Amino acid sequence: TPQNQERLRRRSLEPEPVFGQLKHNHGYTRFRHFGKSKVKMDLGFELMALNILKLHRNMKKSA
């Protein structure tokens, strides 16, 4: 139905799948440091690593 299609389209923009992938595929369940700035840095490194893996996978497909 059109209502379900709209809901599915909106779902792809939500951040939950990224965190689920970090937890399930990469075993990232806890922050390694304490303090807001250190947690921000820690999560930033994890997200950068995830983006690099995605980029590598896409480059490998197109080659």
N, C-alpha and C. Protein backbone atom coordinates (compact mmCIF):
# COMPACT_ATOMS: atom_id res chain seq x y z
N THR A 1 0.84 -1.18 0.00
CA THR A 1 0.00 0.00 0.00
C THR A 1 0.89 1.25 0.00
N PRO A 2 0.36 2.36 -0.43
CA PRO A 2 1.16 3.60 -0.43
C PRO A 2 1.65 3.99 0.97
N GLN A 3 0.85 3.72 1.97
CA GLN A 3 1.25 4.06 3.34
C GLN A 3 2.47 3.24 3.77
N ASN A 4 2.48 1.97 3.45
CA ASN A 4 3.63 1.11 3.79
C ASN A 4 4.87 1.50 2.99
N GLN A 5 4.67 1.88 1.74
CA GLN A 5 5.81 2.30 0.93
C GLN A 5 6.47 3.54 1.51
N GLU A 6 5.66 4.48 1.98
CA GLU A 6 6.20 5.69 2.61
C GLU A 6 6.97 5.34 3.87
N ARG A 7 6.44 4.43 4.65
CA ARG A 7 7.10 4.01 5.88
C ARG A 7 8.44 3.33 5.58
N LEU A 8 8.48 2.48 4.56
CA LEU A 8 9.73 1.81 4.18
C LEU A 8 10.75 2.80 3.65
N ARG A 9 10.29 3.80 2.88
CA ARG A 9 11.19 4.81 2.35
C ARG A 9 11.83 5.61 3.48
N ARG A 10 11.03 5.95 4.48
CA ARG A 10 11.52 6.71 5.63
C ARG A 10 12.48 5.86 6.48
N ARG A 11 12.25 4.57 6.51
CA ARG A 11 13.06 3.67 7.34
C ARG A 11 14.52 3.66 6.90
N SER A 12 14.77 3.80 5.61
CA SER A 12 16.15 3.76 5.11
C SER A 12 16.95 4.96 5.59
N LEU A 13 16.28 6.02 6.04
CA LEU A 13 16.99 7.20 6.52
C LEU A 13 17.27 7.15 8.02
N GLU A 14 16.72 6.19 8.71
CA GLU A 14 16.89 6.10 10.15
C GLU A 14 18.24 5.48 10.49
N PRO A 15 18.87 5.88 11.60
CA PRO A 15 20.22 5.42 11.92
C PRO A 15 20.30 4.04 12.55
N GLU A 16 19.19 3.42 12.94
CA GLU A 16 19.24 2.16 13.67
C GLU A 16 19.97 1.05 12.93
N PRO A 17 19.81 0.90 11.61
CA PRO A 17 20.53 -0.20 10.94
C PRO A 17 22.05 -0.09 11.07
N VAL A 18 22.57 1.13 11.11
CA VAL A 18 24.02 1.31 11.23
C VAL A 18 24.50 0.79 12.58
N PHE A 19 23.79 1.13 13.65
CA PHE A 19 24.19 0.68 14.97
C PHE A 19 24.00 -0.83 15.12
N GLY A 20 22.96 -1.37 14.50
CA GLY A 20 22.75 -2.81 14.52
C GLY A 20 23.87 -3.54 13.82
N GLN A 21 24.33 -2.97 12.71
CA GLN A 21 25.44 -3.58 11.98
C GLN A 21 26.73 -3.52 12.79
N LEU A 22 26.96 -2.39 13.46
CA LEU A 22 28.15 -2.29 14.31
C LEU A 22 28.12 -3.34 15.41
N LYS A 23 26.97 -3.52 16.02
CA LYS A 23 26.86 -4.48 17.12
C LYS A 23 26.98 -5.91 16.64
N HIS A 24 26.24 -6.24 15.59
CA HIS A 24 26.17 -7.63 15.15
C HIS A 24 27.41 -8.06 14.37
N ASN A 25 27.79 -7.29 13.37
CA ASN A 25 28.87 -7.71 12.48
C ASN A 25 30.26 -7.38 13.00
N HIS A 26 30.38 -6.33 13.82
CA HIS A 26 31.70 -5.90 14.27
C HIS A 26 31.92 -6.10 15.76
N GLY A 27 30.92 -6.59 16.47
CA GLY A 27 31.07 -6.89 17.88
C GLY A 27 31.25 -5.67 18.76
N TYR A 28 30.76 -4.53 18.31
CA TYR A 28 30.94 -3.28 19.06
C TYR A 28 29.72 -3.07 19.95
N THR A 29 29.84 -3.44 21.21
CA THR A 29 28.69 -3.35 22.12
C THR A 29 28.90 -2.35 23.25
N ARG A 30 30.15 -1.95 23.48
CA ARG A 30 30.43 -1.00 24.56
C ARG A 30 31.45 0.03 24.10
N PHE A 31 31.35 1.21 24.70
CA PHE A 31 32.38 2.21 24.45
C PHE A 31 33.62 1.84 25.23
N ARG A 32 34.78 2.12 24.68
CA ARG A 32 36.03 1.73 25.30
C ARG A 32 36.58 2.78 26.27
N HIS A 33 36.00 4.00 26.24
CA HIS A 33 36.51 5.10 27.04
C HIS A 33 35.36 5.76 27.82
N PHE A 34 35.74 6.61 28.77
CA PHE A 34 34.76 7.36 29.55
C PHE A 34 34.87 8.84 29.20
N GLY A 35 33.78 9.54 29.35
CA GLY A 35 33.77 10.97 29.05
C GLY A 35 33.18 11.22 27.68
N LYS A 36 32.43 12.30 27.58
CA LYS A 36 31.72 12.59 26.35
C LYS A 36 32.65 12.75 25.14
N SER A 37 33.74 13.48 25.32
CA SER A 37 34.64 13.72 24.18
C SER A 37 35.33 12.42 23.74
N LYS A 38 35.70 11.57 24.69
CA LYS A 38 36.37 10.31 24.35
C LYS A 38 35.40 9.32 23.71
N VAL A 39 34.15 9.31 24.18
CA VAL A 39 33.14 8.45 23.57
C VAL A 39 32.86 8.90 22.15
N LYS A 40 32.80 10.21 21.95
CA LYS A 40 32.57 10.77 20.62
C LYS A 40 33.70 10.37 19.67
N MET A 41 34.94 10.44 20.16
CA MET A 41 36.11 10.04 19.38
C MET A 41 36.06 8.54 19.05
N ASP A 42 35.73 7.74 20.05
CA ASP A 42 35.68 6.29 19.89
C ASP A 42 34.64 5.89 18.84
N LEU A 43 33.45 6.46 18.95
CA LEU A 43 32.39 6.16 17.98
C LEU A 43 32.77 6.68 16.60
N GLY A 44 33.42 7.82 16.55
CA GLY A 44 33.88 8.37 15.26
C GLY A 44 34.82 7.42 14.55
N PHE A 45 35.77 6.84 15.30
CA PHE A 45 36.69 5.88 14.69
C PHE A 45 35.96 4.65 14.18
N GLU A 46 35.02 4.18 14.95
CA GLU A 46 34.24 2.99 14.53
C GLU A 46 33.44 3.29 13.27
N LEU A 47 32.82 4.46 13.22
CA LEU A 47 32.02 4.82 12.04
C LEU A 47 32.91 5.06 10.82
N MET A 48 34.09 5.63 11.03
CA MET A 48 35.02 5.79 9.91
C MET A 48 35.44 4.44 9.36
N ALA A 49 35.73 3.50 10.25
CA ALA A 49 36.12 2.15 9.81
C ALA A 49 34.99 1.50 9.03
N LEU A 50 33.76 1.68 9.50
CA LEU A 50 32.61 1.11 8.80
C LEU A 50 32.46 1.72 7.41
N ASN A 51 32.66 3.04 7.30
CA ASN A 51 32.56 3.70 6.00
C ASN A 51 33.67 3.27 5.06
N ILE A 52 34.87 3.06 5.58
CA ILE A 52 35.98 2.59 4.74
C ILE A 52 35.69 1.19 4.23
N LEU A 53 35.14 0.32 5.09
CA LEU A 53 34.78 -1.03 4.64
C LEU A 53 33.71 -0.99 3.56
N LYS A 54 32.72 -0.12 3.72
CA LYS A 54 31.67 0.02 2.69
C LYS A 54 32.25 0.54 1.38
N LEU A 55 33.15 1.52 1.47
CA LEU A 55 33.78 2.07 0.27
C LEU A 55 34.59 0.99 -0.43
N HIS A 56 35.34 0.22 0.32
CA HIS A 56 36.16 -0.86 -0.25
C HIS A 56 35.27 -1.89 -0.95
N ARG A 57 34.16 -2.26 -0.30
CA ARG A 57 33.25 -3.23 -0.88
C ARG A 57 32.65 -2.71 -2.20
N ASN A 58 32.28 -1.42 -2.22
CA ASN A 58 31.69 -0.84 -3.44
C ASN A 58 32.72 -0.71 -4.55
N MET A 59 33.96 -0.38 -4.20
CA MET A 59 35.01 -0.27 -5.21
C MET A 59 35.33 -1.63 -5.80
N LYS A 60 35.28 -2.66 -4.95
CA LYS A 60 35.56 -4.02 -5.42
C LYS A 60 34.47 -4.50 -6.37
N LYS A 61 33.22 -4.12 -6.09
CA LYS A 61 32.10 -4.50 -6.97
C LYS A 61 32.23 -3.85 -8.34
N SER A 62 32.59 -2.57 -8.36
CA SER A 62 32.63 -1.84 -9.63
C SER A 62 33.86 -2.15 -10.47
N ALA A 63 34.87 -2.75 -9.87
CA ALA A 63 36.11 -3.04 -10.62
C ALA A 63 36.01 -4.31 -11.43
